[in-house]
Amino acid sequence: MIEAVKLWNEPNNKSHWDFELDKDWRIYSRMVRLAGAAVRAEHPTLPRVLGGMSPIDPGFLEHLERQGALDEVDVVAVHGFPLDWNHWPIDEWPRRIAEVRAVSRHPVWVTEVGVSSFGAEEVQEFGLRRTAELLLGRVERIHWYSLYDLPKTWPATTRHREAEGSSYYRHFHMGLLREDGTPKRALRHFADYTPELGLCQWFHFEDPRLDEAVAWLKKLGVRHLRTGLSWADSLRPGAEAWFDRQMRALEDFDVTLTYCFTPESCGMAAHHTSPPNHVEEYADFCARMTRRYAR
């Protein structure tokens, strides 16, 4: 079942929202207000989650609050990767959560947290166990990122490949499973923390890993799953059939469903990170998907 919907992904990260086109997030704030109201009209009790912050920035949240973006959400979310990309140590997780709570009137969820095995699988193994120790019991939802490594033939969702150097390639090693589906060292510990520890796994359009992923999720005892439906993909031929198949496959889990990615034809720029020309179109997409899948 759908337990929550999430309005975009990482709006303060250039890889997911072009804030050079929307310098003060006014477009994003208006888009969230309209989309949140549209979701509420379709399903009055369904929690609406603000797109997870990455980096964690209480000042960014205060800025959105002043612009009214938090008036139509019920939860705020954070994403953290202290062993790979963030400039703070993993043991600061409780302090980071406290800083967000201090400026928020909403509950705080951790909808992405993970550790790459890029340097060594032992690092990811340690990171999983330490993350669970630091976060379980502190927040209502925690989603580990992710089940699968990103296939090497796919681009990571980032716009900084040339600038990031080796950091870019960490995107490809975040899974508990390798690209070929074989387990890494950390996988053997994951079931120790479920169902309290959830998982985040994005599925690409007509993703061939879907059925295998569902089998692994059930084997690991996962109850809470975060995934997404792409607004950009919704304009592809066969999109409705693929969305239906994906959501049927995931019906045994409590799903936080993220709505994101601008169709090139709808953006101020022809890129999935672009603010849309008409934020009402995004709100309509959110309403249609909620009507279809959050019964």
C-alpha atoms as a PDB file:
ATOM      1  CA  MET A   1       0.000   0.000   0.000  1.00  0.00           C
ATOM      2  CA  ILE A   2       1.063   3.633  -0.327  1.00  0.00           C
ATOM      3  CA  GLU A   3       1.880   4.996   3.132  1.00  0.00           C
ATOM      4  CA  ALA A   4       3.149   8.411   2.002  1.00  0.00           C
ATOM      5  CA  VAL A   5       3.936  10.486  -1.072  1.00  0.00           C
ATOM      6  CA  LYS A   6       7.035  12.620  -1.454  1.00  0.00           C
ATOM      7  CA  LEU A   7       7.130  15.858  -3.399  1.00  0.00           C
ATOM      8  CA  TRP A   8      10.352  15.822  -5.411  1.00  0.00           C
ATOM      9  CA  ASN A   9      13.811  14.597  -4.463  1.00  0.00           C
ATOM     10  CA  GLU A  10      16.675  16.665  -3.028  1.00  0.00           C
ATOM     11  CA  PRO A  11      15.487  20.137  -4.084  1.00  0.00           C
ATOM     12  CA  ASN A  12      18.622  21.769  -2.640  1.00  0.00           C
ATOM     13  CA  ASN A  13      20.920  19.518  -4.693  1.00  0.00           C
ATOM     14  CA  LYS A  14      21.810  20.769  -8.195  1.00  0.00           C
ATOM     15  CA  SER A  15      21.687  17.170  -9.413  1.00  0.00           C
ATOM     16  CA  HIS A  16      17.925  17.144  -8.822  1.00  0.00           C
ATOM     17  CA  TRP A  17      16.690  20.764  -8.988  1.00  0.00           C
ATOM     18  CA  ASP A  18      18.195  23.549 -11.067  1.00  0.00           C
ATOM     19  CA  PHE A  19      18.280  26.345  -8.505  1.00  0.00           C
ATOM     20  CA  GLU A  20      20.134  28.586 -10.936  1.00  0.00           C
ATOM     21  CA  LEU A  21      16.831  28.783 -12.804  1.00  0.00           C
ATOM     22  CA  ASP A  22      14.947  29.036  -9.508  1.00  0.00           C
ATOM     23  CA  LYS A  23      17.457  30.968  -7.424  1.00  0.00           C
ATOM     24  CA  ASP A  24      15.401  31.415  -4.273  1.00  0.00           C
ATOM     25  CA  TRP A  25      13.213  28.275  -4.644  1.00  0.00           C
ATOM     26  CA  ARG A  26      10.077  30.351  -5.171  1.00  0.00           C
ATOM     27  CA  ILE A  27       8.972  28.123  -8.044  1.00  0.00           C
ATOM     28  CA  TYR A  28       9.673  25.008  -5.998  1.00  0.00           C
ATOM     29  CA  SER A  29       7.775  26.400  -3.006  1.00  0.00           C
ATOM     30  CA  ARG A  30       4.717  27.217  -5.104  1.00  0.00           C
ATOM     31  CA  MET A  31       4.921  23.821  -6.788  1.00  0.00           C
ATOM     32  CA  VAL A  32       4.957  22.037  -3.419  1.00  0.00           C
ATOM     33  CA  ARG A  33       2.002  24.066  -2.155  1.00  0.00           C
ATOM     34  CA  LEU A  34      -0.088  23.229  -5.217  1.00  0.00           C
ATOM     35  CA  ALA A  35       0.980  19.569  -5.359  1.00  0.00           C
ATOM     36  CA  GLY A  36       0.460  19.071  -1.640  1.00  0.00           C
ATOM     37  CA  ALA A  37      -3.042  20.514  -1.859  1.00  0.00           C
ATOM     38  CA  ALA A  38      -3.791  18.329  -4.892  1.00  0.00           C
ATOM     39  CA  VAL A  39      -2.691  15.188  -3.044  1.00  0.00           C
ATOM     40  CA  ARG A  40      -4.726  16.176   0.008  1.00  0.00           C
ATOM     41  CA  ALA A  41      -7.823  16.607  -2.173  1.00  0.00           C
ATOM     42  CA  GLU A  42      -7.402  13.081  -3.514  1.00  0.00           C
ATOM     43  CA  HIS A  43      -6.536  11.412  -0.208  1.00  0.00           C
ATOM     44  CA  PRO A  44      -7.140  13.534   2.924  1.00  0.00           C
ATOM     45  CA  THR A  45      -5.165  11.311   5.325  1.00  0.00           C
ATOM     46  CA  LEU A  46      -2.138  10.405   3.189  1.00  0.00           C
ATOM     47  CA  PRO A  47       1.099  11.900   4.600  1.00  0.00           C
ATOM     48  CA  ARG A  48       2.883  14.312   2.247  1.00  0.00           C
ATOM     49  CA  VAL A  49       6.671  14.434   2.597  1.00  0.00           C
ATOM     50  CA  LEU A  50       8.853  17.342   1.515  1.00  0.00           C
ATOM     51  CA  GLY A  51      11.605  16.353  -0.917  1.00  0.00           C
ATOM     52  CA  GLY A  52      14.546  15.139   1.191  1.00  0.00           C
ATOM     53  CA  MET A  53      17.300  17.701   1.806  1.00  0.00           C
ATOM     54  CA  SER A  54      20.798  16.855   0.609  1.00  0.00           C
ATOM     55  CA  PRO A  55      22.850  18.366   2.124  1.00  0.00           C
ATOM     56  CA  ILE A  56      21.067  18.622   5.461  1.00  0.00           C
ATOM     57  CA  ASP A  57      20.558  22.356   5.871  1.00  0.00           C
ATOM     58  CA  PRO A  58      18.230  23.784   8.555  1.00  0.00           C
ATOM     59  CA  GLY A  59      18.611  27.221   6.939  1.00  0.00           C
ATOM     60  CA  PHE A  60      17.191  25.873   3.680  1.00  0.00           C
ATOM     61  CA  LEU A  61      14.198  24.500   5.569  1.00  0.00           C
ATOM     62  CA  GLU A  62      13.627  27.851   7.271  1.00  0.00           C
ATOM     63  CA  HIS A  63      13.772  29.540   3.859  1.00  0.00           C
ATOM     64  CA  LEU A  64      11.060  27.213   2.506  1.00  0.00           C
ATOM     65  CA  GLU A  65       8.976  27.795   5.618  1.00  0.00           C
ATOM     66  CA  ARG A  66       9.022  31.560   5.021  1.00  0.00           C
ATOM     67  CA  GLN A  67       7.792  30.947   1.468  1.00  0.00           C
ATOM     68  CA  GLY A  68       4.918  28.763   2.602  1.00  0.00           C
ATOM     69  CA  ALA A  69       6.252  25.497   1.169  1.00  0.00           C
ATOM     70  CA  LEU A  70       5.682  23.652   4.445  1.00  0.00           C
ATOM     71  CA  ASP A  71       2.012  24.610   4.673  1.00  0.00           C
ATOM     72  CA  GLU A  72       0.988  21.683   2.468  1.00  0.00           C
ATOM     73  CA  VAL A  73       3.312  18.949   3.769  1.00  0.00           C
ATOM     74  CA  ASP A  74       3.155  16.770   6.879  1.00  0.00           C
ATOM     75  CA  VAL A  75       6.750  15.485   7.123  1.00  0.00           C
ATOM     76  CA  VAL A  76      10.200  16.864   6.297  1.00  0.00           C
ATOM     77  CA  ALA A  77      12.957  14.539   5.128  1.00  0.00           C
ATOM     78  CA  VAL A  78      16.737  14.471   5.125  1.00  0.00           C
ATOM     79  CA  HIS A  79      19.330  12.485   3.175  1.00  0.00           C
ATOM     80  CA  GLY A  80      22.807  11.812   4.529  1.00  0.00           C
ATOM     81  CA  PHE A  81      25.951  10.060   3.304  1.00  0.00           C
ATOM     82  CA  PRO A  82      28.662  11.016   5.815  1.00  0.00           C
ATOM     83  CA  LEU A  83      31.163   8.321   4.791  1.00  0.00           C
ATOM     84  CA  ASP A  84      31.020   9.303   1.125  1.00  0.00           C
ATOM     85  CA  TRP A  85      29.872  12.856   0.344  1.00  0.00           C
ATOM     86  CA  ASN A  86      28.980  14.858   3.440  1.00  0.00           C
ATOM     87  CA  HIS A  87      31.546  16.919   5.302  1.00  0.00           C
ATOM     88  CA  TRP A  88      30.667  15.580   8.739  1.00  0.00           C
ATOM     89  CA  PRO A  89      31.397  12.282  10.558  1.00  0.00           C
ATOM     90  CA  ILE A  90      28.840   9.510  10.865  1.00  0.00           C
ATOM     91  CA  ASP A  91      28.553   9.920  14.647  1.00  0.00           C
ATOM     92  CA  GLU A  92      26.992  13.363  14.116  1.00  0.00           C
ATOM     93  CA  TRP A  93      23.722  11.853  12.870  1.00  0.00           C
ATOM     94  CA  PRO A  94      21.825  12.539  16.154  1.00  0.00           C
ATOM     95  CA  ARG A  95      22.992  16.172  16.138  1.00  0.00           C
ATOM     96  CA  ARG A  96      21.956  16.637  12.510  1.00  0.00           C
ATOM     97  CA  ILE A  97      18.462  15.325  13.272  1.00  0.00           C
ATOM     98  CA  ALA A  98      18.214  17.598  16.321  1.00  0.00           C
ATOM     99  CA  GLU A  99      19.192  20.649  14.240  1.00  0.00           C
ATOM    100  CA  VAL A 100      16.372  19.984  11.785  1.00  0.00           C
ATOM    101  CA  ARG A 101      13.853  19.336  14.546  1.00  0.00           C
ATOM    102  CA  ALA A 102      14.790  22.658  16.112  1.00  0.00           C
ATOM    103  CA  VAL A 103      13.496  24.567  13.065  1.00  0.00           C
ATOM    104  CA  SER A 104      10.684  22.253  11.962  1.00  0.00           C
ATOM    105  CA  ARG A 105       7.066  21.948  13.041  1.00  0.00           C
ATOM    106  CA  HIS A 106       6.840  18.585  11.255  1.00  0.00           C
ATOM    107  CA  PRO A 107       8.226  15.108  12.000  1.00  0.00           C
ATOM    108  CA  VAL A 108      11.617  14.311  10.453  1.00  0.00           C
ATOM    109  CA  TRP A 109      12.230  11.203   8.328  1.00  0.00           C
ATOM    110  CA  VAL A 110      15.544   9.931   6.944  1.00  0.00           C
ATOM    111  CA  THR A 111      14.484   8.848   3.468  1.00  0.00           C
ATOM    112  CA  GLU A 112      17.983   8.139   2.143  1.00  0.00           C
ATOM    113  CA  VAL A 113      21.059   7.069   4.059  1.00  0.00           C
ATOM    114  CA  GLY A 114      23.765   4.813   2.737  1.00  0.00           C
ATOM    115  CA  VAL A 115      27.420   3.922   2.423  1.00  0.00           C
ATOM    116  CA  SER A 116      29.342   3.047  -0.713  1.00  0.00           C
ATOM    117  CA  SER A 117      31.499  -0.075  -1.020  1.00  0.00           C
ATOM    118  CA  PHE A 118      33.713   1.847  -3.474  1.00  0.00           C
ATOM    119  CA  GLY A 119      36.761   1.734  -1.184  1.00  0.00           C
ATOM    120  CA  ALA A 120      36.058  -1.544   0.603  1.00  0.00           C
ATOM    121  CA  GLU A 121      33.021  -3.658   1.410  1.00  0.00           C
ATOM    122  CA  GLU A 122      34.095  -3.585   5.047  1.00  0.00           C
ATOM    123  CA  VAL A 123      33.435   0.169   5.092  1.00  0.00           C
ATOM    124  CA  GLN A 124      29.855  -0.347   3.938  1.00  0.00           C
ATOM    125  CA  GLU A 125      29.402  -3.157   6.442  1.00  0.00           C
ATOM    126  CA  PHE A 126      30.539  -0.898   9.291  1.00  0.00           C
ATOM    127  CA  GLY A 127      28.441   1.980   7.968  1.00  0.00           C
ATOM    128  CA  LEU A 128      25.230  -0.042   7.906  1.00  0.00           C
ATOM    129  CA  ARG A 129      25.640  -1.267  11.461  1.00  0.00           C
ATOM    130  CA  ARG A 130      26.683   2.111  12.846  1.00  0.00           C
ATOM    131  CA  THR A 131      23.868   3.917  11.022  1.00  0.00           C
ATOM    132  CA  ALA A 132      21.325   1.525  12.528  1.00  0.00           C
ATOM    133  CA  GLU A 133      22.762   2.119  16.014  1.00  0.00           C
ATOM    134  CA  LEU A 134      22.589   5.889  15.590  1.00  0.00           C
ATOM    135  CA  LEU A 135      19.182   6.280  13.908  1.00  0.00           C
ATOM    136  CA  LEU A 136      16.837   3.440  14.851  1.00  0.00           C
ATOM    137  CA  GLY A 137      14.403   4.749  17.446  1.00  0.00           C
ATOM    138  CA  ARG A 138      15.274   8.407  16.749  1.00  0.00           C
ATOM    139  CA  VAL A 139      13.069   8.933  13.680  1.00  0.00           C
ATOM    140  CA  GLU A 140       9.891   7.288  12.447  1.00  0.00           C
ATOM    141  CA  ARG A 141      11.227   6.242   9.022  1.00  0.00           C
ATOM    142  CA  ILE A 142      14.715   5.328   7.814  1.00  0.00           C
ATOM    143  CA  HIS A 143      15.307   4.165   4.243  1.00  0.00           C
ATOM    144  CA  TRP A 144      18.696   2.615   3.436  1.00  0.00           C
ATOM    145  CA  TYR A 145      20.008   3.443  -0.033  1.00  0.00           C
ATOM    146  CA  SER A 146      20.015   1.035  -1.804  1.00  0.00           C
ATOM    147  CA  LEU A 147      19.355  -2.616  -2.685  1.00  0.00           C
ATOM    148  CA  TYR A 148      21.265  -2.689  -6.006  1.00  0.00           C
ATOM    149  CA  ASP A 149      24.422  -1.106  -7.308  1.00  0.00           C
ATOM    150  CA  LEU A 150      23.762   1.264 -10.172  1.00  0.00           C
ATOM    151  CA  PRO A 151      24.544  -0.490 -13.499  1.00  0.00           C
ATOM    152  CA  LYS A 152      27.752   0.858 -14.995  1.00  0.00           C
ATOM    153  CA  THR A 153      25.987   1.482 -18.313  1.00  0.00           C
ATOM    154  CA  TRP A 154      23.565   3.932 -16.665  1.00  0.00           C
ATOM    155  CA  PRO A 155      24.508   7.489 -15.716  1.00  0.00           C
ATOM    156  CA  ALA A 156      24.293   8.474 -12.070  1.00  0.00           C
ATOM    157  CA  THR A 157      21.685  11.163 -11.416  1.00  0.00           C
ATOM    158  CA  THR A 158      24.210  13.954 -11.015  1.00  0.00           C
ATOM    159  CA  ARG A 159      25.373  16.909 -13.088  1.00  0.00           C
ATOM    160  CA  HIS A 160      28.892  17.065 -11.711  1.00  0.00           C
ATOM    161  CA  ARG A 161      30.716  14.084 -13.167  1.00  0.00           C
ATOM    162  CA  GLU A 162      33.731  16.081 -14.297  1.00  0.00           C
ATOM    163  CA  ALA A 163      33.986  18.045 -11.049  1.00  0.00           C
ATOM    164  CA  GLU A 164      33.378  15.202  -8.614  1.00  0.00           C
ATOM    165  CA  GLY A 165      36.272  12.959  -9.634  1.00  0.00           C
ATOM    166  CA  SER A 166      36.227   9.676  -7.710  1.00  0.00           C
ATOM    167  CA  SER A 167      33.183  10.830  -5.709  1.00  0.00           C
ATOM    168  CA  TYR A 168      31.056  10.445  -8.835  1.00  0.00           C
ATOM    169  CA  TYR A 169      31.840   6.729  -9.017  1.00  0.00           C
ATOM    170  CA  ARG A 170      30.663   6.103  -5.486  1.00  0.00           C
ATOM    171  CA  HIS A 171      27.125   6.411  -6.856  1.00  0.00           C
ATOM    172  CA  PHE A 172      27.635   3.062  -8.578  1.00  0.00           C
ATOM    173  CA  HIS A 173      28.537   1.129  -5.389  1.00  0.00           C
ATOM    174  CA  MET A 174      25.730   2.005  -2.954  1.00  0.00           C
ATOM    175  CA  GLY A 175      23.876  -1.317  -3.207  1.00  0.00           C
ATOM    176  CA  LEU A 176      23.746  -4.249  -0.846  1.00  0.00           C
ATOM    177  CA  LEU A 177      23.845  -6.307  -4.043  1.00  0.00           C
ATOM    178  CA  ARG A 178      26.316  -5.935  -6.867  1.00  0.00           C
ATOM    179  CA  GLU A 179      25.114  -5.126 -10.363  1.00  0.00           C
ATOM    180  CA  ASP A 180      25.027  -8.864 -11.166  1.00  0.00           C
ATOM    181  CA  GLY A 181      22.805  -9.545  -8.147  1.00  0.00           C
ATOM    182  CA  THR A 182      25.421 -11.192  -5.927  1.00  0.00           C
ATOM    183  CA  PRO A 183      25.495 -10.175  -2.245  1.00  0.00           C
ATOM    184  CA  LYS A 184      28.054  -7.922  -0.578  1.00  0.00           C
ATOM    185  CA  ARG A 185      29.258  -8.298   3.001  1.00  0.00           C
ATOM    186  CA  ALA A 186      26.753  -5.793   4.422  1.00  0.00           C
ATOM    187  CA  LEU A 187      23.737  -7.725   3.141  1.00  0.00           C
ATOM    188  CA  ARG A 188      24.136 -10.400   5.808  1.00  0.00           C
ATOM    189  CA  HIS A 189      23.399  -7.805   8.516  1.00  0.00           C
ATOM    190  CA  PHE A 190      20.446  -6.024   6.938  1.00  0.00           C
ATOM    191  CA  ALA A 191      17.741  -8.391   8.180  1.00  0.00           C
ATOM    192  CA  ASP A 192      18.984  -7.781  11.735  1.00  0.00           C
ATOM    193  CA  TYR A 193      17.363  -4.331  11.526  1.00  0.00           C
ATOM    194  CA  THR A 194      14.164  -4.930   9.553  1.00  0.00           C
ATOM    195  CA  PRO A 195      11.313  -4.159   9.552  1.00  0.00           C
ATOM    196  CA  GLU A 196      12.264  -0.968  11.465  1.00  0.00           C
ATOM    197  CA  LEU A 197      14.928  -0.183   8.860  1.00  0.00           C
ATOM    198  CA  GLY A 198      13.378   0.456   5.462  1.00  0.00           C
ATOM    199  CA  LEU A 199      14.983   0.553   2.049  1.00  0.00           C
ATOM    200  CA  CYS A 200      15.105   2.965  -0.889  1.00  0.00           C
ATOM    201  CA  GLN A 201      15.308   1.487  -4.382  1.00  0.00           C
ATOM    202  CA  TRP A 202      14.640   3.450  -7.557  1.00  0.00           C
ATOM    203  CA  PHE A 203      13.280   1.488 -10.522  1.00  0.00           C
ATOM    204  CA  HIS A 204      14.005   2.774 -14.001  1.00  0.00           C
ATOM    205  CA  PHE A 205      11.444   2.595 -16.798  1.00  0.00           C
ATOM    206  CA  GLU A 206      10.723  -1.093 -17.527  1.00  0.00           C
ATOM    207  CA  ASP A 207      13.446  -2.072 -15.063  1.00  0.00           C
ATOM    208  CA  PRO A 208      14.330  -5.767 -15.538  1.00  0.00           C
ATOM    209  CA  ARG A 209      15.326  -6.097 -11.856  1.00  0.00           C
ATOM    210  CA  LEU A 210      11.821  -5.498 -10.489  1.00  0.00           C
ATOM    211  CA  ASP A 211      10.730  -9.075  -9.762  1.00  0.00           C
ATOM    212  CA  GLU A 212      14.117 -10.108  -8.395  1.00  0.00           C
ATOM    213  CA  ALA A 213      14.161  -7.007  -6.216  1.00  0.00           C
ATOM    214  CA  VAL A 214      10.751  -7.856  -4.739  1.00  0.00           C
ATOM    215  CA  ALA A 215      11.982 -11.352  -3.869  1.00  0.00           C
ATOM    216  CA  TRP A 216      15.043  -9.916  -2.104  1.00  0.00           C
ATOM    217  CA  LEU A 217      12.980  -7.334  -0.215  1.00  0.00           C
ATOM    218  CA  LYS A 218      10.698 -10.044   1.134  1.00  0.00           C
ATOM    219  CA  LYS A 219      13.638 -12.291   2.005  1.00  0.00           C
ATOM    220  CA  LEU A 220      15.245  -9.447   3.960  1.00  0.00           C
ATOM    221  CA  GLY A 221      12.045  -8.686   5.859  1.00  0.00           C
ATOM    222  CA  VAL A 222      11.626  -5.190   4.414  1.00  0.00           C
ATOM    223  CA  ARG A 223       8.294  -3.564   5.164  1.00  0.00           C
ATOM    224  CA  HIS A 224       8.929   0.119   4.400  1.00  0.00           C
ATOM    225  CA  LEU A 225      10.064   0.837   0.839  1.00  0.00           C
ATOM    226  CA  ARG A 226      10.774   4.156  -0.820  1.00  0.00           C
ATOM    227  CA  THR A 227      10.673   4.362  -4.612  1.00  0.00           C
ATOM    228  CA  GLY A 228       9.417   6.777  -7.252  1.00  0.00           C
ATOM    229  CA  LEU A 229       7.249   7.439 -10.258  1.00  0.00           C
ATOM    230  CA  SER A 230       8.848   9.737 -12.803  1.00  0.00           C
ATOM    231  CA  TRP A 231       6.785  12.550 -14.232  1.00  0.00           C
ATOM    232  CA  ALA A 232       9.170  12.516 -17.211  1.00  0.00           C
ATOM    233  CA  ASP A 233       8.570   8.792 -17.769  1.00  0.00           C
ATOM    234  CA  SER A 234       4.813   9.330 -17.655  1.00  0.00           C
ATOM    235  CA  LEU A 235       4.975  10.781 -21.187  1.00  0.00           C
ATOM    236  CA  ARG A 236       6.678   7.691 -22.658  1.00  0.00           C
ATOM    237  CA  PRO A 237       4.659   5.196 -24.722  1.00  0.00           C
ATOM    238  CA  GLY A 238       3.607   2.374 -22.402  1.00  0.00           C
ATOM    239  CA  ALA A 239       4.128   4.415 -19.236  1.00  0.00           C
ATOM    240  CA  GLU A 240       0.748   3.571 -17.733  1.00  0.00           C
ATOM    241  CA  ALA A 241       1.302  -0.168 -18.189  1.00  0.00           C
ATOM    242  CA  TRP A 242       4.773   0.038 -16.614  1.00  0.00           C
ATOM    243  CA  PHE A 243       3.578   2.094 -13.652  1.00  0.00           C
ATOM    244  CA  ASP A 244       0.742  -0.392 -13.073  1.00  0.00           C
ATOM    245  CA  ARG A 245       3.160  -3.322 -13.195  1.00  0.00           C
ATOM    246  CA  GLN A 246       5.601  -1.680 -10.808  1.00  0.00           C
ATOM    247  CA  MET A 247       2.954  -0.760  -8.281  1.00  0.00           C
ATOM    248  CA  ARG A 248       1.295  -4.194  -8.411  1.00  0.00           C
ATOM    249  CA  ALA A 249       4.668  -5.792  -7.700  1.00  0.00           C
ATOM    250  CA  LEU A 250       5.146  -3.550  -4.655  1.00  0.00           C
ATOM    251  CA  GLU A 251       1.655  -3.855  -3.177  1.00  0.00           C
ATOM    252  CA  ASP A 252       2.845  -5.965  -0.202  1.00  0.00           C
ATOM    253  CA  PHE A 253       5.079  -3.152   1.085  1.00  0.00           C
ATOM    254  CA  ASP A 254       4.355   0.159   2.804  1.00  0.00           C
ATOM    255  CA  VAL A 255       5.577   2.463   0.039  1.00  0.00           C
ATOM    256  CA  THR A 256       6.706   6.071   0.208  1.00  0.00           C
ATOM    257  CA  LEU A 257       6.162   7.112  -3.393  1.00  0.00           C
ATOM    258  CA  THR A 258       8.292   9.971  -4.728  1.00  0.00           C
ATOM    259  CA  TYR A 259       6.983  12.137  -7.579  1.00  0.00           C
ATOM    260  CA  CYS A 260       9.819  13.841  -9.449  1.00  0.00           C
ATOM    261  CA  PHE A 261      11.719  14.585 -12.695  1.00  0.00           C
ATOM    262  CA  THR A 262      10.447  17.176 -15.152  1.00  0.00           C
ATOM    263  CA  PRO A 263       9.664  16.108 -18.747  1.00  0.00           C
ATOM    264  CA  GLU A 264      11.946  17.949 -21.170  1.00  0.00           C
ATOM    265  CA  SER A 265       8.894  19.342 -22.961  1.00  0.00           C
ATOM    266  CA  CYS A 266       7.560  20.858 -19.713  1.00  0.00           C
ATOM    267  CA  GLY A 267      10.682  22.469 -18.299  1.00  0.00           C
ATOM    268  CA  MET A 268      12.159  25.932 -18.406  1.00  0.00           C
ATOM    269  CA  ALA A 269      15.194  24.028 -19.712  1.00  0.00           C
ATOM    270  CA  ALA A 270      15.157  20.648 -21.457  1.00  0.00           C
ATOM    271  CA  HIS A 271      16.382  18.685 -18.444  1.00  0.00           C
ATOM    272  CA  HIS A 272      14.748  16.552 -15.751  1.00  0.00           C
ATOM    273  CA  THR A 273      16.068  18.890 -13.027  1.00  0.00           C
ATOM    274  CA  SER A 274      14.440  21.971 -14.531  1.00  0.00           C
ATOM    275  CA  PRO A 275      11.633  23.842 -12.810  1.00  0.00           C
ATOM    276  CA  PRO A 276       8.492  23.360 -14.906  1.00  0.00           C
ATOM    277  CA  ASN A 277       7.034  26.184 -16.926  1.00  0.00           C
ATOM    278  CA  HIS A 278       3.669  25.468 -15.340  1.00  0.00           C
ATOM    279  CA  VAL A 279       3.771  24.053 -11.807  1.00  0.00           C
ATOM    280  CA  GLU A 280       0.092  23.127 -12.151  1.00  0.00           C
ATOM    281  CA  GLU A 281       1.149  20.314 -14.502  1.00  0.00           C
ATOM    282  CA  TYR A 282       3.267  18.736 -11.771  1.00  0.00           C
ATOM    283  CA  ALA A 283       0.407  19.075  -9.296  1.00  0.00           C
ATOM    284  CA  ASP A 284      -1.885  17.365 -11.798  1.00  0.00           C
ATOM    285  CA  PHE A 285       0.604  14.491 -12.170  1.00  0.00           C
ATOM    286  CA  CYS A 286       0.731  14.072  -8.384  1.00  0.00           C
ATOM    287  CA  ALA A 287      -3.056  14.056  -8.172  1.00  0.00           C
ATOM    288  CA  ARG A 288      -3.419  11.495 -10.973  1.00  0.00           C
ATOM    289  CA  MET A 289      -0.847   9.115  -9.501  1.00  0.00           C
ATOM    290  CA  THR A 290      -2.338   9.424  -6.029  1.00  0.00           C
ATOM    291  CA  ARG A 291      -5.816   8.785  -7.381  1.00  0.00           C
ATOM    292  CA  ARG A 292      -4.573   5.702  -9.251  1.00  0.00           C
ATOM    293  CA  TYR A 293      -2.345   4.063  -6.637  1.00  0.00           C
ATOM    294  CA  ALA A 294      -3.184   5.349  -3.150  1.00  0.00           C
ATOM    295  CA  ARG A 295      -6.617   3.857  -2.828  1.00  0.00           C
END
